[in-house]
Each structure stands twice: as structure tokens, then as C-alpha cells.
Amino acid sequence: MSDFINMNFDRAKEIIGDRTPEEIVFDKVVVKELKKGRSIIKALKMANKKYPDEALQWSDETIEDITLHYEYLMQHEDILKGFKRLSN
């Protein structure tokens, strides 16, 4: 089971990439707002306002990729919570 978990963590790191502590905090705000039912654009605007140094810019061409990225982060967060429950 631990090989499976480690493989999934390695894959997640590939997808998410290296992130600074500031980027992690920004991403958490976006994910939190999405989980409240806000649109991706509203969530990004809220995070941009709160953390202007990390602000993301988007366009019609990039918003779909950004949306997919944050949908993945939401799923990843849920998976981590599940692993944490299993290990307790």
C-alpha cells in the first residue's frame, strides 16, 4: 500500500510542481473559495486581492488550464485528507 501512496505523491508533485510558501497560501485561498461555490474568476480575484504579490493573470486562452489546475488541487487536498484518516 505504501508504494501505491508514494507513487501517487510523486505523480502529484509532478503535476503541481514546486511551489513557494507564498504560492501555497495563494492556492489555498483559491481552493477555499472554489469549495464555497465561487467561480474560478471570482476565486482568483479574491486571492489576487488578498495576496497581490502572488496575483495570477488570466485570459480567455488560459482560464481553462487554470481551472483544471485548481480542480486538481481540490481533488489532491481531498485525497490527502483521506490518506490522513487512513493513517490514524
N, C-alpha and C. Protein backbone atom coordinates (compact mmCIF):
# COMPACT_ATOMS: atom_id res chain seq x y z
N MET A 1 0.82 -1.19 0.00
CA MET A 1 0.00 0.00 0.00
C MET A 1 0.86 1.26 0.00
N SER A 2 1.98 1.26 0.74
CA SER A 2 2.82 2.46 0.81
C SER A 2 3.47 2.77 -0.54
N ASP A 3 3.77 1.75 -1.34
CA ASP A 3 4.30 2.01 -2.69
C ASP A 3 3.27 2.74 -3.53
N PHE A 4 2.01 2.34 -3.41
CA PHE A 4 0.93 2.99 -4.14
C PHE A 4 0.80 4.46 -3.70
N ILE A 5 0.85 4.69 -2.40
CA ILE A 5 0.74 6.05 -1.87
C ILE A 5 1.92 6.89 -2.33
N ASN A 6 3.13 6.35 -2.23
CA ASN A 6 4.32 7.09 -2.66
C ASN A 6 4.27 7.41 -4.15
N MET A 7 3.79 6.47 -4.94
CA MET A 7 3.68 6.70 -6.38
C MET A 7 2.70 7.84 -6.66
N ASN A 8 1.59 7.86 -5.92
CA ASN A 8 0.61 8.93 -6.10
C ASN A 8 1.16 10.28 -5.65
N PHE A 9 1.91 10.31 -4.57
CA PHE A 9 2.52 11.57 -4.13
C PHE A 9 3.54 12.06 -5.15
N ASP A 10 4.32 11.16 -5.71
CA ASP A 10 5.30 11.54 -6.74
C ASP A 10 4.60 12.12 -7.97
N ARG A 11 3.52 11.48 -8.37
CA ARG A 11 2.75 11.97 -9.52
C ARG A 11 2.14 13.34 -9.24
N ALA A 12 1.62 13.50 -8.04
CA ALA A 12 1.04 14.79 -7.66
C ALA A 12 2.09 15.88 -7.68
N LYS A 13 3.29 15.57 -7.21
CA LYS A 13 4.37 16.57 -7.22
C LYS A 13 4.72 16.97 -8.65
N GLU A 14 4.70 16.00 -9.56
CA GLU A 14 4.95 16.31 -10.98
C GLU A 14 3.90 17.26 -11.52
N ILE A 15 2.65 17.01 -11.20
CA ILE A 15 1.55 17.82 -11.71
C ILE A 15 1.55 19.21 -11.08
N ILE A 16 1.68 19.26 -9.77
CA ILE A 16 1.61 20.54 -9.05
C ILE A 16 2.88 21.35 -9.23
N GLY A 17 4.02 20.67 -9.24
CA GLY A 17 5.29 21.36 -9.38
C GLY A 17 5.77 21.94 -8.06
N ASP A 18 6.94 22.54 -8.12
CA ASP A 18 7.50 23.18 -6.93
C ASP A 18 6.76 24.49 -6.69
N ARG A 19 6.38 24.72 -5.47
CA ARG A 19 5.65 25.94 -5.12
C ARG A 19 6.29 26.58 -3.91
N THR A 20 6.36 27.89 -3.92
CA THR A 20 6.88 28.63 -2.77
C THR A 20 5.81 28.63 -1.68
N PRO A 21 6.21 28.93 -0.46
CA PRO A 21 5.19 29.03 0.60
C PRO A 21 4.11 30.07 0.27
N GLU A 22 4.49 31.14 -0.38
CA GLU A 22 3.53 32.17 -0.76
C GLU A 22 2.54 31.65 -1.80
N GLU A 23 3.02 30.87 -2.76
CA GLU A 23 2.15 30.27 -3.77
C GLU A 23 1.18 29.28 -3.14
N ILE A 24 1.65 28.54 -2.16
CA ILE A 24 0.80 27.57 -1.47
C ILE A 24 -0.34 28.29 -0.75
N VAL A 25 -0.02 29.38 -0.06
CA VAL A 25 -1.06 30.15 0.64
C VAL A 25 -2.06 30.72 -0.37
N PHE A 26 -1.58 31.25 -1.48
CA PHE A 26 -2.45 31.78 -2.53
C PHE A 26 -3.37 30.68 -3.05
N ASP A 27 -2.79 29.53 -3.37
CA ASP A 27 -3.58 28.41 -3.88
C ASP A 27 -4.64 27.97 -2.89
N LYS A 28 -4.31 27.98 -1.60
CA LYS A 28 -5.28 27.58 -0.59
C LYS A 28 -6.48 28.52 -0.56
N VAL A 29 -6.24 29.81 -0.78
CA VAL A 29 -7.34 30.76 -0.83
C VAL A 29 -8.24 30.45 -2.02
N VAL A 30 -7.63 30.21 -3.18
CA VAL A 30 -8.43 29.90 -4.37
C VAL A 30 -9.24 28.64 -4.14
N VAL A 31 -8.63 27.60 -3.63
CA VAL A 31 -9.33 26.33 -3.38
C VAL A 31 -10.46 26.53 -2.38
N LYS A 32 -10.20 27.27 -1.32
CA LYS A 32 -11.23 27.53 -0.31
C LYS A 32 -12.45 28.21 -0.94
N GLU A 33 -12.19 29.21 -1.79
CA GLU A 33 -13.29 29.94 -2.42
C GLU A 33 -14.04 29.05 -3.42
N LEU A 34 -13.32 28.22 -4.13
CA LEU A 34 -13.98 27.29 -5.06
C LEU A 34 -14.87 26.32 -4.31
N LYS A 35 -14.40 25.85 -3.17
CA LYS A 35 -15.20 24.91 -2.37
C LYS A 35 -16.45 25.57 -1.80
N LYS A 36 -16.44 26.90 -1.71
CA LYS A 36 -17.62 27.64 -1.28
C LYS A 36 -18.61 27.82 -2.43
N GLY A 37 -18.20 27.39 -3.63
CA GLY A 37 -19.08 27.50 -4.79
C GLY A 37 -18.82 28.71 -5.66
N ARG A 38 -17.77 29.46 -5.37
CA ARG A 38 -17.44 30.62 -6.19
C ARG A 38 -16.88 30.16 -7.54
N SER A 39 -17.03 30.99 -8.55
CA SER A 39 -16.45 30.69 -9.86
C SER A 39 -14.93 30.84 -9.77
N ILE A 40 -14.23 30.26 -10.72
CA ILE A 40 -12.77 30.36 -10.74
C ILE A 40 -12.33 31.82 -10.82
N ILE A 41 -13.01 32.61 -11.62
CA ILE A 41 -12.60 34.01 -11.77
C ILE A 41 -12.82 34.77 -10.47
N LYS A 42 -13.93 34.55 -9.80
CA LYS A 42 -14.19 35.20 -8.52
C LYS A 42 -13.17 34.74 -7.48
N ALA A 43 -12.86 33.46 -7.45
CA ALA A 43 -11.87 32.92 -6.51
C ALA A 43 -10.50 33.53 -6.76
N LEU A 44 -10.11 33.64 -8.03
CA LEU A 44 -8.81 34.25 -8.36
C LEU A 44 -8.78 35.72 -7.97
N LYS A 45 -9.85 36.43 -8.23
CA LYS A 45 -9.91 37.85 -7.87
C LYS A 45 -9.76 38.03 -6.36
N MET A 46 -10.40 37.18 -5.60
CA MET A 46 -10.32 37.27 -4.14
C MET A 46 -8.89 36.97 -3.66
N ALA A 47 -8.28 35.95 -4.23
CA ALA A 47 -6.90 35.61 -3.86
C ALA A 47 -5.94 36.71 -4.31
N ASN A 48 -6.16 37.25 -5.50
CA ASN A 48 -5.30 38.33 -6.01
C ASN A 48 -5.37 39.56 -5.10
N LYS A 49 -6.56 39.85 -4.61
CA LYS A 49 -6.74 41.00 -3.72
C LYS A 49 -6.03 40.77 -2.39
N LYS A 50 -6.14 39.56 -1.89
CA LYS A 50 -5.54 39.23 -0.59
C LYS A 50 -4.01 39.10 -0.68
N TYR A 51 -3.53 38.58 -1.80
CA TYR A 51 -2.09 38.35 -1.99
C TYR A 51 -1.63 38.93 -3.34
N PRO A 52 -1.56 40.24 -3.44
CA PRO A 52 -1.23 40.87 -4.73
C PRO A 52 0.14 40.49 -5.28
N ASP A 53 1.09 40.16 -4.42
CA ASP A 53 2.42 39.77 -4.91
C ASP A 53 2.39 38.43 -5.63
N GLU A 54 1.39 37.62 -5.36
CA GLU A 54 1.26 36.31 -6.00
C GLU A 54 0.17 36.30 -7.07
N ALA A 55 -0.40 37.45 -7.34
CA ALA A 55 -1.57 37.55 -8.22
C ALA A 55 -1.37 36.84 -9.56
N LEU A 56 -2.40 36.10 -9.95
CA LEU A 56 -2.40 35.42 -11.25
C LEU A 56 -3.18 36.25 -12.25
N GLN A 57 -2.67 36.30 -13.45
CA GLN A 57 -3.37 36.94 -14.55
C GLN A 57 -3.92 35.82 -15.44
N TRP A 58 -5.04 36.07 -16.07
CA TRP A 58 -5.63 35.06 -16.95
C TRP A 58 -6.22 35.73 -18.17
N SER A 59 -6.49 34.90 -19.13
CA SER A 59 -7.15 35.36 -20.35
C SER A 59 -8.13 34.27 -20.77
N ASP A 60 -8.88 34.53 -21.82
CA ASP A 60 -9.80 33.52 -22.32
C ASP A 60 -9.04 32.26 -22.73
N GLU A 61 -7.79 32.43 -23.17
CA GLU A 61 -6.98 31.29 -23.62
C GLU A 61 -6.40 30.48 -22.46
N THR A 62 -6.22 31.11 -21.30
CA THR A 62 -5.55 30.42 -20.18
C THR A 62 -6.49 29.98 -19.06
N ILE A 63 -7.69 30.53 -19.01
CA ILE A 63 -8.56 30.25 -17.86
C ILE A 63 -8.94 28.78 -17.75
N GLU A 64 -9.06 28.08 -18.87
CA GLU A 64 -9.38 26.65 -18.79
C GLU A 64 -8.27 25.86 -18.12
N ASP A 65 -7.01 26.14 -18.48
CA ASP A 65 -5.88 25.45 -17.85
C ASP A 65 -5.79 25.79 -16.36
N ILE A 66 -6.03 27.05 -16.03
CA ILE A 66 -6.01 27.46 -14.63
C ILE A 66 -7.12 26.74 -13.85
N THR A 67 -8.29 26.66 -14.46
CA THR A 67 -9.41 25.96 -13.84
C THR A 67 -9.06 24.50 -13.58
N LEU A 68 -8.48 23.85 -14.56
CA LEU A 68 -8.09 22.44 -14.40
C LEU A 68 -7.06 22.27 -13.30
N HIS A 69 -6.12 23.20 -13.23
CA HIS A 69 -5.09 23.16 -12.19
C HIS A 69 -5.74 23.21 -10.80
N TYR A 70 -6.66 24.14 -10.61
CA TYR A 70 -7.29 24.27 -9.29
C TYR A 70 -8.27 23.15 -9.00
N GLU A 71 -8.90 22.61 -10.00
CA GLU A 71 -9.74 21.42 -9.78
C GLU A 71 -8.88 20.26 -9.31
N TYR A 72 -7.69 20.12 -9.90
CA TYR A 72 -6.78 19.08 -9.46
C TYR A 72 -6.36 19.32 -8.01
N LEU A 73 -6.02 20.57 -7.68
CA LEU A 73 -5.61 20.87 -6.31
C LEU A 73 -6.72 20.54 -5.31
N MET A 74 -7.97 20.81 -5.67
CA MET A 74 -9.07 20.46 -4.78
C MET A 74 -9.14 18.96 -4.57
N GLN A 75 -9.01 18.19 -5.64
CA GLN A 75 -9.04 16.73 -5.53
C GLN A 75 -7.85 16.23 -4.73
N HIS A 76 -6.69 16.82 -4.97
CA HIS A 76 -5.48 16.42 -4.26
C HIS A 76 -5.65 16.66 -2.75
N GLU A 77 -6.22 17.78 -2.40
CA GLU A 77 -6.46 18.10 -0.99
C GLU A 77 -7.38 17.06 -0.36
N ASP A 78 -8.43 16.69 -1.06
CA ASP A 78 -9.36 15.68 -0.56
C ASP A 78 -8.67 14.32 -0.41
N ILE A 79 -7.82 13.97 -1.35
CA ILE A 79 -7.08 12.71 -1.29
C ILE A 79 -6.16 12.70 -0.07
N LEU A 80 -5.47 13.82 0.16
CA LEU A 80 -4.57 13.90 1.32
C LEU A 80 -5.35 13.74 2.63
N LYS A 81 -6.52 14.33 2.71
CA LYS A 81 -7.35 14.17 3.91
C LYS A 81 -7.74 12.70 4.09
N GLY A 82 -8.04 12.01 2.98
CA GLY A 82 -8.37 10.60 3.05
C GLY A 82 -7.21 9.76 3.53
N PHE A 83 -6.01 10.04 3.03
CA PHE A 83 -4.82 9.31 3.46
C PHE A 83 -4.57 9.56 4.95
N LYS A 84 -4.78 10.80 5.39
CA LYS A 84 -4.56 11.13 6.78
C LYS A 84 -5.51 10.36 7.68
N ARG A 85 -6.78 10.24 7.25
CA ARG A 85 -7.74 9.46 8.04
C ARG A 85 -7.35 7.99 8.10
N LEU A 86 -6.84 7.46 6.99
CA LEU A 86 -6.44 6.06 6.96
C LEU A 86 -5.25 5.78 7.88
N SER A 87 -4.36 6.75 7.99
CA SER A 87 -3.15 6.52 8.77
C SER A 87 -3.37 6.72 10.27
N ASN A 88 -4.49 7.29 10.64
CA ASN A 88 -4.78 7.50 12.08
C ASN A 88 -5.42 6.31 12.70
